[in-house]
Amino acid sequence: MNENTPPLTDAQLRDFARDGCLIVRGAVNAATLEMLRGDFAARVDDLLRRAHAIGKVSAPDGDDFSSAASHLICSAPDTYQHLDISLPLDGNLGARVPAWQKLFGDDWRDEAGVFAAESVFRLLTHPRLAAMAEQLLGEEDLVASPVQHIRIKPPQRRLPPDAASDATYARANWHQDEAVVHESARGADILTVWVAVTESTVENGCLRCVPGSHLSADDARRPDFGLKTHCPGRAFVGDIHIPDASIPQSARRNLEVKPGDAILLHRRTVHGAGANESDGIRWSFDLRYQPAGTPTGRECFPALRLRSNAGARGYRRQWLEARDAIMRGAVEAVFNTRWQKYRDAPLCA
């Protein structure tokens, strides 16, 4: 493929328009994946060392990344916030500082709350991902939305009960991405790009979608503008979901992929992910792209302009500055509350 060849073929564009979900094989090159693996292996080792020093975890029983990451996440789920590529969905980050100080000591200001590594910057600005987003969104001036996460999912059976429903590292319930951000972003043209770092199978909880579910009209005359009814999170903000019983089995499509493959999702496509029933981790990144200047639905977090000169250091600085602004009250961190009205609805019982 030369630099003037569009990254998606006409057939792929038609499939995406029809289904709202599309697998793109080999979207991310091996060098980028290796850089990610190196950065996150070092991060997990550092967190394990620190957590062991303060008695949060026992000594790990394996030295491979899958074993180390599973041990950390299952033994101390709260450390996951320091692996994620977004800040916690918490308007009171200041309350977390004592725990951050205990874990990181004097390093907490540089290390706590988000892992904005150079490899993550390289992934967000990856030329193939950017080109696909530009093609589908019809814009060249794009931002990487701050609605982004890393998904390192250990075996579901090893997760403690109070962590077994957190979609960041456990099963992800059915939802539409436009429905899980603040309603200020209603109608914003946001593309989800899901990137596999490990093989993703039915056994280890691959992504799944409902093809064609994005085609409901964005109509102000319809309840919730045509989005499906979501139930509010009972334990935390990120638990907003469409009840499983409302998704027919016949409508579900499993999206099994290999490392480096990407899955493109329309903002209104119903999707989720199963539980990891394997013995190893399932690892992916959940990214978003949208035209610069459009609402992200998480304005308290920074959006990375792809055609800027921010660089990896600037990207990391943006996240640390956003964290500190929320902590001192200079920025109000407000997350989606639109589904609270359904808390007592029979559908959500």
Foldseek 3Di string as FASTA:
>chain_A
DDPPDQLDDPVQVVQCVQFQKGKDAQLFDPVLLVVVVVVLLVVLVLQQVLCVVLPQFPDFPDNDSFSSVLRCCQSPVVCVQQVKAAFDLDLACLVCVVVLCSRPPPCSLVGPGHDLDQSVVCVLLPPSVLSNCCVNQVDNWKWWFSPKIKEKAAALVSHDPVCQQPQSHWWWAKDFQCQLFAVLQQPFFKKKKKAWSAWADLQQWAKKWQTNQQPFAQDPVDVVSRADAWAQDPPDSRNIHQDPVVDDPVRMDGDTGHHSMMMMGGRRIIMIIHGNNDRGITIMMIIMMGHPPHDSRFVLADIGTNPDPCHSVNSSVRNSVSSVCSNVVVDGGDTYDVNVVCNPPPSND
